[in-house]
C-alpha atoms as a PDB file:
ATOM      1  CA  MET A   1       0.000   0.000   0.000  1.00  0.00           C
ATOM      2  CA  VAL A   2       1.072   3.563  -0.630  1.00  0.00           C
ATOM      3  CA  VAL A   3       0.470   4.553   2.970  1.00  0.00           C
ATOM      4  CA  THR A   4       2.894   1.992   4.378  1.00  0.00           C
ATOM      5  CA  ARG A   5       5.940   3.219   2.479  1.00  0.00           C
ATOM      6  CA  ARG A   6       7.998   4.461   5.394  1.00  0.00           C
ATOM      7  CA  SER A   7       9.749   7.134   3.326  1.00  0.00           C
ATOM      8  CA  ARG A   8       6.419   8.889   2.831  1.00  0.00           C
ATOM      9  CA  PHE A   9       5.760   9.610   6.489  1.00  0.00           C
ATOM     10  CA  VAL A  10       6.769  13.059   7.701  1.00  0.00           C
ATOM     11  CA  LYS A  11       7.388  14.168  11.278  1.00  0.00           C
ATOM     12  CA  ARG A  12       5.457  17.348  11.967  1.00  0.00           C
ATOM     13  CA  HIS A  13       6.551  18.328  15.464  1.00  0.00           C
ATOM     14  CA  ASN A  14       9.482  17.523  17.708  1.00  0.00           C
ATOM     15  CA  GLN A  15       7.239  16.325  20.558  1.00  0.00           C
ATOM     16  CA  ASP A  16       5.087  13.961  18.498  1.00  0.00           C
ATOM     17  CA  ILE A  17       6.526  10.485  18.108  1.00  0.00           C
ATOM     18  CA  VAL A  18       4.037   9.691  15.347  1.00  0.00           C
ATOM     19  CA  TYR A  19       5.059  10.419  11.760  1.00  0.00           C
ATOM     20  CA  ARG A  20       2.123  11.546   9.634  1.00  0.00           C
ATOM     21  CA  TRP A  21       1.632  10.270   6.101  1.00  0.00           C
ATOM     22  CA  GLU A  22       2.532  13.052   3.688  1.00  0.00           C
ATOM     23  CA  GLY A  23      -0.667  12.461   1.705  1.00  0.00           C
ATOM     24  CA  ASN A  24      -3.057  12.984   4.638  1.00  0.00           C
ATOM     25  CA  PRO A  25      -6.005  13.055   4.765  1.00  0.00           C
ATOM     26  CA  LEU A  26      -6.190   9.437   3.649  1.00  0.00           C
ATOM     27  CA  ILE A  27      -9.969   9.678   3.112  1.00  0.00           C
ATOM     28  CA  SER A  28     -12.093  12.822   3.125  1.00  0.00           C
ATOM     29  CA  ILE A  29     -15.700  13.428   2.170  1.00  0.00           C
ATOM     30  CA  SER A  30     -14.592  14.707  -1.247  1.00  0.00           C
ATOM     31  CA  ASP A  31     -13.122  11.262  -2.007  1.00  0.00           C
ATOM     32  CA  LEU A  32     -16.486   9.520  -1.718  1.00  0.00           C
ATOM     33  CA  GLY A  33     -18.417   8.571  -4.824  1.00  0.00           C
ATOM     34  CA  PHE A  34     -21.749   9.258  -3.131  1.00  0.00           C
ATOM     35  CA  LYS A  35     -23.318  11.884  -0.902  1.00  0.00           C
ATOM     36  CA  CYS A  36     -23.109  11.933   2.878  1.00  0.00           C
ATOM     37  CA  ALA A  37     -22.867  14.579   5.575  1.00  0.00           C
ATOM     38  CA  ASP A  38     -19.563  13.617   7.171  1.00  0.00           C
ATOM     39  CA  ILE A  39     -16.890  10.985   7.711  1.00  0.00           C
ATOM     40  CA  HIS A  40     -15.582  10.119  11.157  1.00  0.00           C
ATOM     41  CA  ASN A  41     -13.355   7.445  12.667  1.00  0.00           C
ATOM     42  CA  ALA A  42     -12.074   4.144  11.294  1.00  0.00           C
ATOM     43  CA  GLY A  43     -11.570   0.771  12.894  1.00  0.00           C
ATOM     44  CA  VAL A  44      -8.869  -1.273  11.175  1.00  0.00           C
ATOM     45  CA  VAL A  45      -8.059  -4.953  10.697  1.00  0.00           C
ATOM     46  CA  SER A  46      -5.571  -7.048   8.757  1.00  0.00           C
ATOM     47  CA  PHE A  47      -7.573  -9.606   6.766  1.00  0.00           C
ATOM     48  CA  GLU A  48      -6.270 -11.921   4.036  1.00  0.00           C
ATOM     49  CA  GLU A  49      -3.186  -9.778   3.357  1.00  0.00           C
ATOM     50  CA  GLU A  50      -5.329  -6.655   3.100  1.00  0.00           C
ATOM     51  CA  ILE A  51      -5.813  -3.778   5.518  1.00  0.00           C
ATOM     52  CA  LEU A  52      -9.539  -3.092   5.826  1.00  0.00           C
ATOM     53  CA  LEU A  53     -11.009   0.038   7.380  1.00  0.00           C
ATOM     54  CA  LEU A  54     -14.422   0.212   9.046  1.00  0.00           C
ATOM     55  CA  VAL A  55     -15.355   3.845   8.534  1.00  0.00           C
ATOM     56  CA  THR A  56     -18.186   5.689  10.276  1.00  0.00           C
ATOM     57  CA  LEU A  57     -20.266   7.841   7.933  1.00  0.00           C
ATOM     58  CA  GLU A  58     -22.942  10.338   8.885  1.00  0.00           C
ATOM     59  CA  HIS A  59     -25.733  10.419   6.318  1.00  0.00           C
ATOM     60  CA  LEU A  60     -27.747  13.436   5.220  1.00  0.00           C
ATOM     61  CA  SER A  61     -30.483  12.401   7.673  1.00  0.00           C
ATOM     62  CA  GLY A  62     -27.979  12.535  10.542  1.00  0.00           C
ATOM     63  CA  GLN A  63     -28.046   8.773  11.068  1.00  0.00           C
ATOM     64  CA  ARG A  64     -24.675   6.991  11.153  1.00  0.00           C
ATOM     65  CA  SER A  65     -23.538   3.634   9.820  1.00  0.00           C
ATOM     66  CA  ILE A  66     -20.273   1.725   9.428  1.00  0.00           C
ATOM     67  CA  HIS A  67     -18.841   1.140   5.947  1.00  0.00           C
ATOM     68  CA  LEU A  68     -15.934  -0.944   4.673  1.00  0.00           C
ATOM     69  CA  ALA A  69     -13.064   0.785   2.899  1.00  0.00           C
ATOM     70  CA  ARG A  70     -10.622  -1.192   0.771  1.00  0.00           C
ATOM     71  CA  SER A  71      -7.450  -0.048  -0.953  1.00  0.00           C
ATOM     72  CA  ASP A  72      -7.423   0.094  -4.748  1.00  0.00           C
ATOM     73  CA  THR A  73      -4.564  -1.000  -7.016  1.00  0.00           C
ATOM     74  CA  LYS A  74      -2.728   2.258  -6.301  1.00  0.00           C
ATOM     75  CA  GLY A  75      -3.002   1.824  -2.538  1.00  0.00           C
ATOM     76  CA  TYR A  76      -5.680   4.455  -1.920  1.00  0.00           C
ATOM     77  CA  TYR A  77      -8.867   3.654  -0.052  1.00  0.00           C
ATOM     78  CA  GLN A  78     -12.319   3.451  -1.590  1.00  0.00           C
ATOM     79  CA  VAL A  79     -15.313   3.518   0.759  1.00  0.00           C
ATOM     80  CA  GLU A  80     -18.186   1.193  -0.121  1.00  0.00           C
ATOM     81  CA  GLU A  81     -21.533   2.942  -0.445  1.00  0.00           C
ATOM     82  CA  ALA A  82     -23.555   0.053   0.989  1.00  0.00           C
ATOM     83  CA  PRO A  83     -23.241  -0.072   4.802  1.00  0.00           C
ATOM     84  CA  PHE A  84     -21.458  -3.053   6.317  1.00  0.00           C
ATOM     85  CA  LEU A  85     -23.115  -2.453   9.685  1.00  0.00           C
ATOM     86  CA  LEU A  86     -26.275  -0.377   9.891  1.00  0.00           C
ATOM     87  CA  PRO A  87     -28.862   0.484  12.560  1.00  0.00           C
ATOM     88  CA  SER A  88     -31.151  -2.376  13.520  1.00  0.00           C
ATOM     89  CA  LEU A  89     -34.733  -2.529  12.279  1.00  0.00           C
ATOM     90  CA  ASP A  90     -35.554  -5.244  14.813  1.00  0.00           C
ATOM     91  CA  SER A  91     -38.128  -3.894  17.251  1.00  0.00           C
ATOM     92  CA  LYS A  92     -36.038  -5.197  20.148  1.00  0.00           C
ATOM     93  CA  TYR A  93     -33.029  -3.041  19.268  1.00  0.00           C
ATOM     94  CA  LYS A  94     -34.399  -0.286  17.024  1.00  0.00           C
ATOM     95  CA  GLN A  95     -34.848   2.292  19.787  1.00  0.00           C
ATOM     96  CA  HIS A  96     -31.221   1.791  20.856  1.00  0.00           C
ATOM     97  CA  GLU A  97     -29.791   2.323  17.350  1.00  0.00           C
ATOM     98  CA  LEU A  98     -32.271   4.866  16.061  1.00  0.00           C
ATOM     99  CA  HIS A  99     -29.592   7.518  15.497  1.00  0.00           C
ATOM    100  CA  GLY A 100     -26.928   5.155  14.266  1.00  0.00           C
ATOM    101  CA  VAL A 101     -24.031   2.791  14.831  1.00  0.00           C
ATOM    102  CA  LEU A 102     -20.507   4.173  14.949  1.00  0.00           C
ATOM    103  CA  ASP A 103     -16.866   3.853  15.995  1.00  0.00           C
ATOM    104  CA  GLY A 104     -16.405   0.126  15.369  1.00  0.00           C
ATOM    105  CA  ARG A 105     -13.309  -1.400  16.967  1.00  0.00           C
ATOM    106  CA  VAL A 106     -12.262  -4.759  15.492  1.00  0.00           C
ATOM    107  CA  THR A 107     -10.678  -7.621  17.464  1.00  0.00           C
ATOM    108  CA  PHE A 108      -9.621 -11.022  16.128  1.00  0.00           C
ATOM    109  CA  LEU A 109     -10.291 -13.560  18.869  1.00  0.00           C
ATOM    110  CA  GLU A 110     -10.460 -17.345  18.714  1.00  0.00           C
ATOM    111  CA  GLY A 111     -10.997 -17.513  14.958  1.00  0.00           C
ATOM    112  CA  MET A 112     -13.644 -14.792  14.764  1.00  0.00           C
ATOM    113  CA  TYR A 113     -13.580 -11.052  14.053  1.00  0.00           C
ATOM    114  CA  TYR A 114     -15.586  -9.155  16.662  1.00  0.00           C
ATOM    115  CA  ILE A 115     -16.719  -5.574  16.149  1.00  0.00           C
ATOM    116  CA  MET A 116     -17.534  -3.649  19.306  1.00  0.00           C
ATOM    117  CA  TYR A 117     -19.310  -0.419  18.442  1.00  0.00           C
ATOM    118  CA  ASN A 118     -21.318   2.442  19.896  1.00  0.00           C
ATOM    119  CA  SER A 119     -25.063   2.266  19.371  1.00  0.00           C
ATOM    120  CA  LEU A 120     -26.818   5.618  19.607  1.00  0.00           C
ATOM    121  CA  GLY A 121     -30.539   5.706  20.278  1.00  0.00           C
ATOM    122  CA  GLU A 122     -33.317   7.388  22.178  1.00  0.00           C
ATOM    123  CA  HIS A 123     -31.563   6.817  25.495  1.00  0.00           C
ATOM    124  CA  GLY A 124     -28.030   7.772  24.509  1.00  0.00           C
ATOM    125  CA  TYR A 125     -25.020   5.548  23.954  1.00  0.00           C
ATOM    126  CA  ARG A 126     -24.667   1.837  24.644  1.00  0.00           C
ATOM    127  CA  LEU A 127     -22.083  -0.721  23.590  1.00  0.00           C
ATOM    128  CA  ALA A 128     -23.063  -3.396  21.090  1.00  0.00           C
ATOM    129  CA  LEU A 129     -21.241  -6.357  19.564  1.00  0.00           C
ATOM    130  CA  ALA A 130     -21.234  -7.968  16.124  1.00  0.00           C
ATOM    131  CA  LYS A 131     -19.129 -10.692  14.515  1.00  0.00           C
ATOM    132  CA  THR A 132     -17.955 -11.739  11.069  1.00  0.00           C
ATOM    133  CA  GLU A 133     -15.723 -14.388   9.539  1.00  0.00           C
ATOM    134  CA  ASP A 134     -15.277 -12.919   6.079  1.00  0.00           C
ATOM    135  CA  PHE A 135     -16.220  -9.197   6.082  1.00  0.00           C
ATOM    136  CA  ARG A 136     -18.914  -9.979   3.539  1.00  0.00           C
ATOM    137  CA  SER A 137     -21.695 -10.717   6.009  1.00  0.00           C
ATOM    138  CA  VAL A 138     -22.016  -9.677   9.636  1.00  0.00           C
ATOM    139  CA  GLU A 139     -24.110 -10.935  12.545  1.00  0.00           C
ATOM    140  CA  LYS A 140     -25.180  -8.730  15.426  1.00  0.00           C
ATOM    141  CA  ILE A 141     -24.791 -10.365  18.832  1.00  0.00           C
ATOM    142  CA  GLY A 142     -26.644  -7.680  20.770  1.00  0.00           C
ATOM    143  CA  LEU A 143     -26.387  -4.839  23.262  1.00  0.00           C
ATOM    144  CA  ILE A 144     -23.755  -5.556  25.894  1.00  0.00           C
ATOM    145  CA  SER A 145     -23.664  -2.607  28.290  1.00  0.00           C
ATOM    146  CA  GLU A 146     -25.707  -0.364  30.485  1.00  0.00           C
ATOM    147  CA  PRO A 147     -26.716   3.059  29.084  1.00  0.00           C
ATOM    148  CA  ASP A 148     -24.146   5.857  28.923  1.00  0.00           C
ATOM    149  CA  THR A 149     -21.256   3.527  28.102  1.00  0.00           C
ATOM    150  CA  LYS A 150     -19.065   3.915  25.004  1.00  0.00           C
ATOM    151  CA  ALA A 151     -15.536   3.442  23.601  1.00  0.00           C
ATOM    152  CA  GLY A 152     -15.609  -0.301  24.196  1.00  0.00           C
ATOM    153  CA  THR A 153     -12.842  -2.517  22.854  1.00  0.00           C
ATOM    154  CA  LEU A 154     -12.320  -6.250  23.262  1.00  0.00           C
ATOM    155  CA  PHE A 155      -9.010  -7.805  24.327  1.00  0.00           C
ATOM    156  CA  PRO A 156      -7.597 -10.218  21.691  1.00  0.00           C
ATOM    157  CA  ALA A 157      -7.165 -12.978  24.290  1.00  0.00           C
ATOM    158  CA  ARG A 158      -8.967 -14.169  27.381  1.00  0.00           C
ATOM    159  CA  ILE A 159      -7.687 -13.015  30.754  1.00  0.00           C
ATOM    160  CA  LYS A 160      -7.637 -15.915  33.209  1.00  0.00           C
ATOM    161  CA  GLY A 161     -10.237 -17.717  31.139  1.00  0.00           C
ATOM    162  CA  ARG A 162     -12.627 -14.784  30.777  1.00  0.00           C
ATOM    163  CA  TYR A 163     -13.324 -12.302  28.003  1.00  0.00           C
ATOM    164  CA  ALA A 164     -12.213  -8.768  28.834  1.00  0.00           C
ATOM    165  CA  ARG A 165     -12.969  -5.341  27.447  1.00  0.00           C
ATOM    166  CA  LEU A 166     -12.077  -1.730  28.101  1.00  0.00           C
ATOM    167  CA  GLU A 167     -14.870   0.831  28.222  1.00  0.00           C
ATOM    168  CA  ARG A 168     -15.594   4.440  29.092  1.00  0.00           C
ATOM    169  CA  THR A 169     -18.407   5.160  31.505  1.00  0.00           C
ATOM    170  CA  GLY A 170     -20.302   8.428  31.512  1.00  0.00           C
ATOM    171  CA  CYS A 171     -20.235   8.757  35.284  1.00  0.00           C
ATOM    172  CA  ASP A 172     -16.561   9.703  35.550  1.00  0.00           C
ATOM    173  CA  ASN A 173     -15.139   9.740  31.980  1.00  0.00           C
ATOM    174  CA  SER A 174     -12.544   7.115  32.956  1.00  0.00           C
ATOM    175  CA  ILE A 175     -11.391   3.848  31.376  1.00  0.00           C
ATOM    176  CA  TRP A 176     -12.596   0.693  33.110  1.00  0.00           C
ATOM    177  CA  ILE A 177     -11.991  -2.993  32.484  1.00  0.00           C
ATOM    178  CA  THR A 178     -14.863  -5.446  32.760  1.00  0.00           C
ATOM    179  CA  TYR A 179     -15.147  -9.211  32.250  1.00  0.00           C
ATOM    180  CA  SER A 180     -17.543 -11.764  30.784  1.00  0.00           C
ATOM    181  CA  ASP A 181     -17.938 -15.524  30.422  1.00  0.00           C
ATOM    182  CA  ASP A 182     -20.150 -15.351  27.326  1.00  0.00           C
ATOM    183  CA  LEU A 183     -19.595 -11.923  25.650  1.00  0.00           C
ATOM    184  CA  ILE A 184     -23.164 -10.922  26.574  1.00  0.00           C
ATOM    185  CA  TYR A 185     -23.245 -10.327  30.320  1.00  0.00           C
ATOM    186  CA  TRP A 186     -20.407  -8.253  31.741  1.00  0.00           C
ATOM    187  CA  GLY A 187     -19.277  -7.419  35.262  1.00  0.00           C
ATOM    188  CA  SER A 188     -16.407  -7.512  37.799  1.00  0.00           C
ATOM    189  CA  SER A 189     -15.517  -3.979  36.712  1.00  0.00           C
ATOM    190  CA  GLU A 190     -12.228  -2.361  37.769  1.00  0.00           C
ATOM    191  CA  LEU A 191     -11.047   1.201  37.262  1.00  0.00           C
ATOM    192  CA  VAL A 192      -7.954   1.311  35.037  1.00  0.00           C
ATOM    193  CA  ILE A 193      -7.078   4.997  34.518  1.00  0.00           C
ATOM    194  CA  SER A 194      -8.814   8.326  35.080  1.00  0.00           C
ATOM    195  CA  PRO A 195      -8.363  11.850  33.709  1.00  0.00           C
ATOM    196  CA  ARG A 196      -5.413  13.682  35.303  1.00  0.00           C
ATOM    197  CA  GLU A 197      -5.858  17.253  36.474  1.00  0.00           C
ATOM    198  CA  GLY A 198      -3.744  19.664  34.470  1.00  0.00           C
ATOM    199  CA  PHE A 199      -2.515  17.101  31.942  1.00  0.00           C
ATOM    200  CA  TRP A 200      -3.460  16.801  28.269  1.00  0.00           C
ATOM    201  CA  ASP A 201      -6.059  14.179  29.275  1.00  0.00           C
ATOM    202  CA  SER A 202      -7.575  16.108  32.182  1.00  0.00           C
ATOM    203  CA  ASP A 203     -11.244  16.120  31.162  1.00  0.00           C
ATOM    204  CA  ARG A 204     -12.168  12.740  29.667  1.00  0.00           C
ATOM    205  CA  ILE A 205     -10.484   9.672  28.234  1.00  0.00           C
ATOM    206  CA  GLY A 206     -11.426   6.534  26.317  1.00  0.00           C
ATOM    207  CA  ALA A 207      -9.733   3.493  24.791  1.00  0.00           C
ATOM    208  CA  GLY A 208      -8.712   3.574  21.141  1.00  0.00           C
ATOM    209  CA  GLY A 209      -8.469   0.248  19.342  1.00  0.00           C
ATOM    210  CA  PRO A 210      -7.943  -3.217  20.849  1.00  0.00           C
ATOM    211  CA  PRO A 211      -4.929  -3.697  23.154  1.00  0.00           C
ATOM    212  CA  PHE A 212      -1.717  -5.114  21.682  1.00  0.00           C
ATOM    213  CA  GLU A 213       0.161  -7.829  23.544  1.00  0.00           C
ATOM    214  CA  ILE A 214       3.828  -6.849  23.867  1.00  0.00           C
ATOM    215  CA  ASP A 215       6.691  -8.089  26.060  1.00  0.00           C
ATOM    216  CA  GLN A 216       5.934  -5.488  28.746  1.00  0.00           C
ATOM    217  CA  GLY A 217       2.183  -6.201  28.937  1.00  0.00           C
ATOM    218  CA  TRP A 218      -0.844  -4.857  27.070  1.00  0.00           C
ATOM    219  CA  LEU A 219      -0.246  -1.714  25.011  1.00  0.00           C
ATOM    220  CA  VAL A 220      -3.343   0.479  24.719  1.00  0.00           C
ATOM    221  CA  LEU A 221      -3.815   3.609  22.634  1.00  0.00           C
ATOM    222  CA  TYR A 222      -6.323   6.005  24.148  1.00  0.00           C
ATOM    223  CA  TYR A 223      -7.754   9.422  23.431  1.00  0.00           C
ATOM    224  CA  GLY A 224      -7.831  12.225  25.959  1.00  0.00           C
ATOM    225  CA  ALA A 225      -9.462  15.641  25.983  1.00  0.00           C
ATOM    226  CA  LYS A 226      -8.584  18.820  27.819  1.00  0.00           C
ATOM    227  CA  GLU A 227     -11.013  21.722  28.049  1.00  0.00           C
ATOM    228  CA  THR A 228      -9.752  25.151  27.012  1.00  0.00           C
ATOM    229  CA  SER A 229     -11.399  28.540  26.631  1.00  0.00           C
ATOM    230  CA  ALA A 230     -11.786  27.735  22.919  1.00  0.00           C
ATOM    231  CA  GLY A 231     -13.256  24.277  23.511  1.00  0.00           C
ATOM    232  CA  PRO A 232     -11.801  20.786  24.033  1.00  0.00           C
ATOM    233  CA  ILE A 233      -8.591  19.552  22.411  1.00  0.00           C
ATOM    234  CA  TYR A 234      -8.419  15.798  21.728  1.00  0.00           C
ATOM    235  CA  LYS A 235      -5.038  14.061  21.639  1.00  0.00           C
ATOM    236  CA  ILE A 236      -3.787  10.457  21.561  1.00  0.00           C
ATOM    237  CA  GLY A 237      -1.654   8.825  24.237  1.00  0.00           C
ATOM    238  CA  THR A 238      -0.702   5.364  25.428  1.00  0.00           C
ATOM    239  CA  VAL A 239      -0.793   3.209  28.526  1.00  0.00           C
ATOM    240  CA  ILE A 240       0.790  -0.182  29.270  1.00  0.00           C
ATOM    241  CA  LEU A 241      -1.207  -2.602  31.419  1.00  0.00           C
ATOM    242  CA  ASP A 242       0.007  -5.674  33.264  1.00  0.00           C
ATOM    243  CA  LYS A 243      -0.406  -8.831  31.182  1.00  0.00           C
ATOM    244  CA  GLU A 244      -1.974 -10.967  33.922  1.00  0.00           C
ATOM    245  CA  GLU A 245      -3.661  -8.172  35.893  1.00  0.00           C
ATOM    246  CA  PRO A 246      -4.652  -5.587  33.265  1.00  0.00           C
ATOM    247  CA  GLY A 247      -6.239  -3.393  35.901  1.00  0.00           C
ATOM    248  CA  ARG A 248      -2.678  -2.546  37.001  1.00  0.00           C
ATOM    249  CA  VAL A 249      -0.852   0.229  35.132  1.00  0.00           C
ATOM    250  CA  ILE A 250       2.830  -0.238  34.258  1.00  0.00           C
ATOM    251  CA  GLY A 251       3.386   2.993  32.325  1.00  0.00           C
ATOM    252  CA  ARG A 252       1.384   5.911  30.955  1.00  0.00           C
ATOM    253  CA  SER A 253       2.401   8.712  28.597  1.00  0.00           C
ATOM    254  CA  ASN A 254       2.564  12.161  30.115  1.00  0.00           C
ATOM    255  CA  ILE A 255       3.207  13.609  26.658  1.00  0.00           C
ATOM    256  CA  PRO A 256       0.691  12.634  23.949  1.00  0.00           C
ATOM    257  CA  ILE A 257       2.054  10.706  20.989  1.00  0.00           C
ATOM    258  CA  LEU A 258      -0.141  12.669  18.568  1.00  0.00           C
ATOM    259  CA  SER A 259      -1.718  16.121  18.860  1.00  0.00           C
ATOM    260  CA  PRO A 260      -3.825  18.131  16.376  1.00  0.00           C
ATOM    261  CA  ARG A 261      -1.351  20.305  14.468  1.00  0.00           C
ATOM    262  CA  GLY A 262      -2.157  20.096  10.746  1.00  0.00           C
ATOM    263  CA  ASN A 263      -4.948  22.210   9.277  1.00  0.00           C
ATOM    264  CA  TYR A 264      -7.037  19.088   8.618  1.00  0.00           C
ATOM    265  CA  GLU A 265      -6.705  18.191  12.331  1.00  0.00           C
ATOM    266  CA  ARG A 266      -7.489  21.682  13.629  1.00  0.00           C
ATOM    267  CA  ILE A 267     -10.252  22.782  11.253  1.00  0.00           C
ATOM    268  CA  GLY A 268     -13.432  20.818  10.642  1.00  0.00           C
ATOM    269  CA  ASP A 269     -16.843  19.966  12.041  1.00  0.00           C
ATOM    270  CA  VAL A 270     -15.284  19.358  15.463  1.00  0.00           C
ATOM    271  CA  PRO A 271     -11.986  21.275  15.483  1.00  0.00           C
ATOM    272  CA  ASN A 272      -8.794  20.273  17.291  1.00  0.00           C
ATOM    273  CA  VAL A 273      -9.424  16.523  17.293  1.00  0.00           C
ATOM    274  CA  VAL A 274      -7.267  13.475  16.605  1.00  0.00           C
ATOM    275  CA  PHE A 275      -9.131  10.308  17.595  1.00  0.00           C
ATOM    276  CA  THR A 276      -8.206   6.678  16.974  1.00  0.00           C
ATOM    277  CA  THR A 277     -10.288   3.512  16.982  1.00  0.00           C
ATOM    278  CA  GLY A 278      -7.685   1.192  15.493  1.00  0.00           C
ATOM    279  CA  ALA A 279      -4.059   0.516  14.602  1.00  0.00           C
ATOM    280  CA  ILE A 280      -1.966  -2.238  13.018  1.00  0.00           C
ATOM    281  CA  VAL A 281       1.420  -3.595  14.139  1.00  0.00           C
ATOM    282  CA  ASP A 282       3.595  -5.158  11.444  1.00  0.00           C
ATOM    283  CA  SER A 283       6.308  -7.793  11.784  1.00  0.00           C
ATOM    284  CA  ASN A 284       9.024  -5.123  12.048  1.00  0.00           C
ATOM    285  CA  GLY A 285       7.439  -3.432  15.051  1.00  0.00           C
ATOM    286  CA  TYR A 286       5.948  -0.485  13.169  1.00  0.00           C
ATOM    287  CA  LEU A 287       2.596   0.717  14.463  1.00  0.00           C
ATOM    288  CA  ASP A 288       0.322   2.296  11.837  1.00  0.00           C
ATOM    289  CA  ILE A 289      -2.347   4.388  13.570  1.00  0.00           C
ATOM    290  CA  PHE A 290      -5.508   5.233  11.654  1.00  0.00           C
ATOM    291  CA  TYR A 291      -7.259   8.226  13.160  1.00  0.00           C
ATOM    292  CA  GLY A 292     -10.114  10.610  12.595  1.00  0.00           C
ATOM    293  CA  ALA A 293      -9.255  14.294  12.336  1.00  0.00           C
ATOM    294  CA  SER A 294     -11.708  17.045  13.304  1.00  0.00           C
ATOM    295  CA  ASN A 295     -14.610  14.621  12.709  1.00  0.00           C
ATOM    296  CA  SER A 296     -14.157  15.359   9.009  1.00  0.00           C
ATOM    297  CA  CYS A 297     -11.588  12.943   7.537  1.00  0.00           C
ATOM    298  CA  ILE A 298      -9.490   9.806   8.106  1.00  0.00           C
ATOM    299  CA  CYS A 299      -5.699  10.018   8.425  1.00  0.00           C
ATOM    300  CA  VAL A 300      -2.791   7.685   9.134  1.00  0.00           C
ATOM    301  CA  GLY A 301       0.486   8.006  10.992  1.00  0.00           C
ATOM    302  CA  THR A 302       3.209   5.612  12.046  1.00  0.00           C
ATOM    303  CA  THR A 303       5.627   5.054  14.904  1.00  0.00           C
ATOM    304  CA  THR A 304       7.268   2.047  16.526  1.00  0.00           C
ATOM    305  CA  VAL A 305       6.259  -0.013  19.518  1.00  0.00           C
ATOM    306  CA  GLU A 306       9.751   0.633  20.896  1.00  0.00           C
ATOM    307  CA  GLU A 307       9.255   4.418  20.842  1.00  0.00           C
ATOM    308  CA  ILE A 308       5.855   4.155  22.504  1.00  0.00           C
ATOM    309  CA  VAL A 309       7.128   1.875  25.268  1.00  0.00           C
ATOM    310  CA  LYS A 310      10.014   4.267  25.902  1.00  0.00           C
ATOM    311  CA  ASN A 311       7.590   7.193  26.120  1.00  0.00           C
ATOM    312  CA  CYS A 312       5.395   5.345  28.636  1.00  0.00           C
ATOM    313  CA  ILE A 313       8.181   4.057  30.852  1.00  0.00           C
ATOM    314  CA  GLU A 314      10.043   7.379  30.942  1.00  0.00           C
ATOM    315  CA  SER A 315       6.917   9.311  31.922  1.00  0.00           C
ATOM    316  CA  LYS A 316       6.497  10.183  35.572  1.00  0.00           C
ATOM    317  CA  GLU A 317       4.467   7.714  37.592  1.00  0.00           C
ATOM    318  CA  GLU A 318       1.530  10.048  38.057  1.00  0.00           C
ATOM    319  CA  TYR A 319      -1.341   7.786  37.177  1.00  0.00           C
END
């Protein structure tokens, strides 16, 4: 793919450890071959030697759905007009997805691809789960959280025999871990990390894509927001969790790995936002991060797992 040629990533700022692709935005609304109101975030998965994106689109009616994007022969992404995952028409779930489905995060677990996404309905946000084997058809499993819960992402392995996920609750804008025996009923919740007063993530935080298993533990990308007089600024940081006890923090970045600096990240429907729901690690340790910018386009940047671990470990232990 064009976007994975390392020579075409450009460092924009001496504090960011993520190199942006020189052709960003990767996908904007002007690239679509059909009409919609906006384009948001993208989950990502490696499938059959192809990198697939699960892009959230907002339609002219305001309803949102999740669409597949595949790279063409030149390496650029084309978004499919037909939704891959759309709001339910089933009377049991319709009220909970009335305004859309969005922000799908994809996890490969035990031979199946699971998509944990936000459902938005009459009573606000809830987490929902779907699964697919081939990214041609998809089966919804159901709603899997209490109201006012979002930013859910499934671990790619069981923890002590149980499924585990990270989530953001509305009560305190923190990241929690919760467990399940069947992927439907969840509990045994533990607080993982909270917003830190004064820091870049002082107002609210939420998990990005699924955790990556590395030598030091579980590597998690997360977004954080800080309120300013001009509105919130969303940035991306990282945290490393213990492999056996993922409620325990090993390291957390005091300096974000990516901040909104380019015009496409600072100007848009929701300005000053970089927001990730997925990344890919290759065999050489490069981490390609796909992120939404200003709720108006999809971008990509790259760094290495080594650089991220160094950033986390060297940060002060002020969790």
